[in-house]
């Protein structure tokens, strides 16, 4: 018995794409940094911390530097 059979997990391996697009590390880091505030927000909501409860005073989820936040 295979692991997938034991777990009751079925999938069609032929449906998985064989060629996956690759991007430069710079592009990947750029996209990650653009999505980071959303990741933080989603995690805080899942933990029950709505709004800015879990963030340091004076920072909002979209701030990248403290000095930028103070200008808002």
N, C-alpha and C. Protein backbone atom coordinates (compact mmCIF):
# COMPACT_ATOMS: atom_id res chain seq x y z
N UNK A 1 0.85 -1.18 0.00
CA UNK A 1 0.00 0.00 0.00
C UNK A 1 0.89 1.25 0.00
N UNK A 2 0.57 2.20 -0.85
CA UNK A 2 1.35 3.43 -0.91
C UNK A 2 0.81 4.44 0.11
N UNK A 3 1.58 5.48 0.34
CA UNK A 3 1.19 6.51 1.29
C UNK A 3 -0.13 7.16 0.88
N UNK A 4 -0.27 7.48 -0.41
CA UNK A 4 -1.49 8.13 -0.88
C UNK A 4 -2.71 7.23 -0.72
N UNK A 5 -2.53 5.94 -0.94
CA UNK A 5 -3.64 5.00 -0.74
C UNK A 5 -4.03 4.95 0.74
N UNK A 6 -3.05 4.95 1.61
CA UNK A 6 -3.32 4.89 3.04
C UNK A 6 -4.06 6.14 3.53
N UNK A 7 -3.74 7.27 2.92
CA UNK A 7 -4.39 8.52 3.32
C UNK A 7 -5.72 8.75 2.60
N UNK A 8 -5.98 7.94 1.58
CA UNK A 8 -7.20 8.13 0.80
C UNK A 8 -7.10 9.31 -0.14
N UNK A 9 -5.89 9.62 -0.53
CA UNK A 9 -5.62 10.78 -1.38
C UNK A 9 -5.41 10.31 -2.81
N UNK A 10 -6.17 10.86 -3.74
CA UNK A 10 -6.06 10.49 -5.15
C UNK A 10 -5.81 11.74 -5.99
N UNK A 11 -4.92 11.61 -6.96
CA UNK A 11 -4.69 12.70 -7.89
C UNK A 11 -4.11 12.15 -9.18
N UNK A 12 -4.31 12.92 -10.24
CA UNK A 12 -3.86 12.52 -11.56
C UNK A 12 -2.50 13.16 -11.84
N UNK A 13 -1.44 12.37 -11.77
CA UNK A 13 -0.09 12.91 -11.96
C UNK A 13 0.11 13.51 -13.35
N UNK A 14 -0.64 13.03 -14.34
CA UNK A 14 -0.49 13.56 -15.69
C UNK A 14 -1.05 14.97 -15.82
N UNK A 15 -1.88 15.42 -14.87
CA UNK A 15 -2.45 16.76 -14.92
C UNK A 15 -1.49 17.82 -14.39
N UNK A 16 -0.41 17.41 -13.75
CA UNK A 16 0.56 18.35 -13.21
C UNK A 16 1.46 18.84 -14.34
N UNK A 17 1.61 20.15 -14.50
CA UNK A 17 2.46 20.66 -15.58
C UNK A 17 3.91 20.21 -15.42
N UNK A 18 4.54 19.88 -16.52
CA UNK A 18 5.93 19.43 -16.46
C UNK A 18 6.90 20.60 -16.54
N UNK A 19 6.48 21.69 -17.14
CA UNK A 19 7.35 22.87 -17.20
C UNK A 19 6.74 23.98 -16.36
N UNK A 20 7.46 24.42 -15.37
CA UNK A 20 7.02 25.48 -14.47
C UNK A 20 7.85 26.72 -14.78
N UNK A 21 7.19 27.87 -14.96
CA UNK A 21 7.96 29.08 -15.28
C UNK A 21 8.91 29.44 -14.14
N UNK A 22 10.07 29.92 -14.49
CA UNK A 22 11.02 30.35 -13.47
C UNK A 22 11.26 31.86 -13.62
N UNK A 23 11.55 32.48 -12.51
CA UNK A 23 11.77 33.93 -12.50
C UNK A 23 13.07 34.22 -11.75
N UNK A 24 13.58 35.41 -11.97
CA UNK A 24 14.82 35.80 -11.30
C UNK A 24 14.56 35.98 -9.81
N UNK A 25 15.61 35.88 -9.03
CA UNK A 25 15.50 36.07 -7.58
C UNK A 25 15.03 37.49 -7.27
N UNK A 26 15.48 38.47 -8.05
CA UNK A 26 15.04 39.85 -7.83
C UNK A 26 13.53 39.97 -7.99
N UNK A 27 12.99 39.33 -9.02
CA UNK A 27 11.55 39.39 -9.28
C UNK A 27 10.77 38.68 -8.16
N UNK A 28 11.28 37.53 -7.73
CA UNK A 28 10.62 36.79 -6.66
C UNK A 28 10.61 37.60 -5.37
N UNK A 29 11.73 38.23 -5.03
CA UNK A 29 11.81 39.06 -3.82
C UNK A 29 10.88 40.26 -3.92
N UNK A 30 10.82 40.88 -5.09
CA UNK A 30 9.92 42.02 -5.30
C UNK A 30 8.48 41.62 -5.05
N UNK A 31 8.06 40.50 -5.63
CA UNK A 31 6.68 40.03 -5.46
C UNK A 31 6.40 39.67 -4.01
N UNK A 32 7.36 39.03 -3.35
CA UNK A 32 7.17 38.67 -1.95
C UNK A 32 6.98 39.92 -1.10
N UNK A 33 7.83 40.93 -1.29
CA UNK A 33 7.74 42.15 -0.50
C UNK A 33 6.43 42.89 -0.77
N UNK A 34 5.93 42.82 -1.99
CA UNK A 34 4.64 43.44 -2.30
C UNK A 34 3.50 42.72 -1.61
N UNK A 35 3.61 41.41 -1.42
CA UNK A 35 2.54 40.61 -0.81
C UNK A 35 2.68 40.49 0.71
N UNK A 36 3.84 40.86 1.27
CA UNK A 36 4.09 40.68 2.70
C UNK A 36 3.03 41.32 3.60
N UNK A 37 2.61 42.56 3.34
CA UNK A 37 1.56 43.13 4.21
C UNK A 37 0.28 42.29 4.22
N UNK A 38 -0.07 41.74 3.08
CA UNK A 38 -1.28 40.89 3.02
C UNK A 38 -1.08 39.60 3.81
N UNK A 39 0.12 39.02 3.74
CA UNK A 39 0.41 37.81 4.52
C UNK A 39 0.29 38.11 6.01
N UNK A 40 0.84 39.25 6.44
CA UNK A 40 0.78 39.64 7.86
C UNK A 40 -0.67 39.86 8.27
N UNK A 41 -1.43 40.55 7.44
CA UNK A 41 -2.83 40.83 7.75
C UNK A 41 -3.62 39.52 7.87
N UNK A 42 -3.45 38.62 6.88
CA UNK A 42 -4.17 37.34 6.91
C UNK A 42 -3.82 36.53 8.15
N UNK A 43 -2.54 36.50 8.51
CA UNK A 43 -2.11 35.76 9.70
C UNK A 43 -2.71 36.37 10.96
N UNK A 44 -2.76 37.70 11.04
CA UNK A 44 -3.32 38.34 12.23
C UNK A 44 -4.81 38.07 12.35
N UNK A 45 -5.52 38.05 11.24
CA UNK A 45 -6.95 37.75 11.27
C UNK A 45 -7.18 36.30 11.69
N UNK A 46 -6.36 35.38 11.17
CA UNK A 46 -6.50 33.98 11.55
C UNK A 46 -6.22 33.76 13.03
N UNK A 47 -5.35 34.59 13.62
CA UNK A 47 -5.04 34.48 15.04
C UNK A 47 -6.02 35.25 15.91
N UNK A 48 -6.98 35.91 15.28
CA UNK A 48 -7.98 36.66 16.03
C UNK A 48 -7.56 38.06 16.39
N UNK A 49 -6.51 38.57 15.79
CA UNK A 49 -6.05 39.93 16.06
C UNK A 49 -6.53 40.83 14.92
N UNK A 50 -7.69 41.40 15.08
CA UNK A 50 -8.25 42.24 14.03
C UNK A 50 -7.67 43.64 14.13
N UNK A 51 -7.57 44.29 13.00
CA UNK A 51 -7.04 45.65 12.98
C UNK A 51 -5.56 45.66 13.24
N UNK A 52 -5.11 46.64 13.99
CA UNK A 52 -3.68 46.81 14.25
C UNK A 52 -3.28 46.35 15.65
N UNK A 53 -4.09 45.49 16.27
CA UNK A 53 -3.83 45.06 17.64
C UNK A 53 -2.45 44.43 17.82
N UNK A 54 -1.98 43.66 16.83
CA UNK A 54 -0.73 42.95 16.98
C UNK A 54 0.48 43.68 16.45
N UNK A 55 0.30 44.91 15.99
CA UNK A 55 1.41 45.65 15.41
C UNK A 55 1.97 46.66 16.41
N UNK A 56 3.27 46.95 16.31
CA UNK A 56 3.85 47.96 17.20
C UNK A 56 3.15 49.30 17.04
N UNK A 57 3.18 50.09 18.07
CA UNK A 57 2.50 51.38 18.06
C UNK A 57 3.03 52.26 16.92
N UNK A 58 2.12 52.82 16.17
CA UNK A 58 2.50 53.73 15.09
C UNK A 58 2.73 53.07 13.76
N UNK A 59 2.65 51.75 13.68
CA UNK A 59 2.86 51.06 12.41
C UNK A 59 1.55 50.53 11.88
N UNK A 60 1.41 50.56 10.58
CA UNK A 60 0.25 49.95 9.95
C UNK A 60 0.74 48.81 9.07
N UNK A 61 -0.13 47.89 8.65
CA UNK A 61 0.32 46.73 7.88
C UNK A 61 1.07 47.07 6.60
N UNK A 62 0.83 48.25 6.02
CA UNK A 62 1.47 48.61 4.77
C UNK A 62 2.80 49.32 4.91
N UNK A 63 3.25 49.59 6.13
CA UNK A 63 4.49 50.34 6.33
C UNK A 63 5.70 49.45 6.12
N UNK A 64 6.68 49.99 5.39
CA UNK A 64 7.91 49.24 5.19
C UNK A 64 9.01 49.75 6.12
N UNK A 65 8.94 51.02 6.52
CA UNK A 65 9.92 51.60 7.44
C UNK A 65 9.18 52.48 8.44
N UNK A 66 9.73 52.60 9.62
CA UNK A 66 9.09 53.40 10.64
C UNK A 66 8.98 54.88 10.22
N UNK A 67 10.00 55.39 9.54
CA UNK A 67 9.99 56.79 9.15
C UNK A 67 8.86 57.07 8.13
N UNK A 68 8.57 56.09 7.28
CA UNK A 68 7.49 56.25 6.31
C UNK A 68 6.16 56.31 7.05
N UNK A 69 6.00 55.50 8.07
CA UNK A 69 4.74 55.47 8.84
C UNK A 69 4.51 56.80 9.56
N UNK A 70 5.58 57.40 10.05
CA UNK A 70 5.43 58.67 10.76
C UNK A 70 4.98 59.77 9.84
N UNK A 71 5.25 59.65 8.54
CA UNK A 71 4.87 60.69 7.59
C UNK A 71 3.40 60.62 7.24
N UNK A 72 2.74 59.51 7.53
CA UNK A 72 1.33 59.33 7.17
C UNK A 72 0.42 60.14 8.05
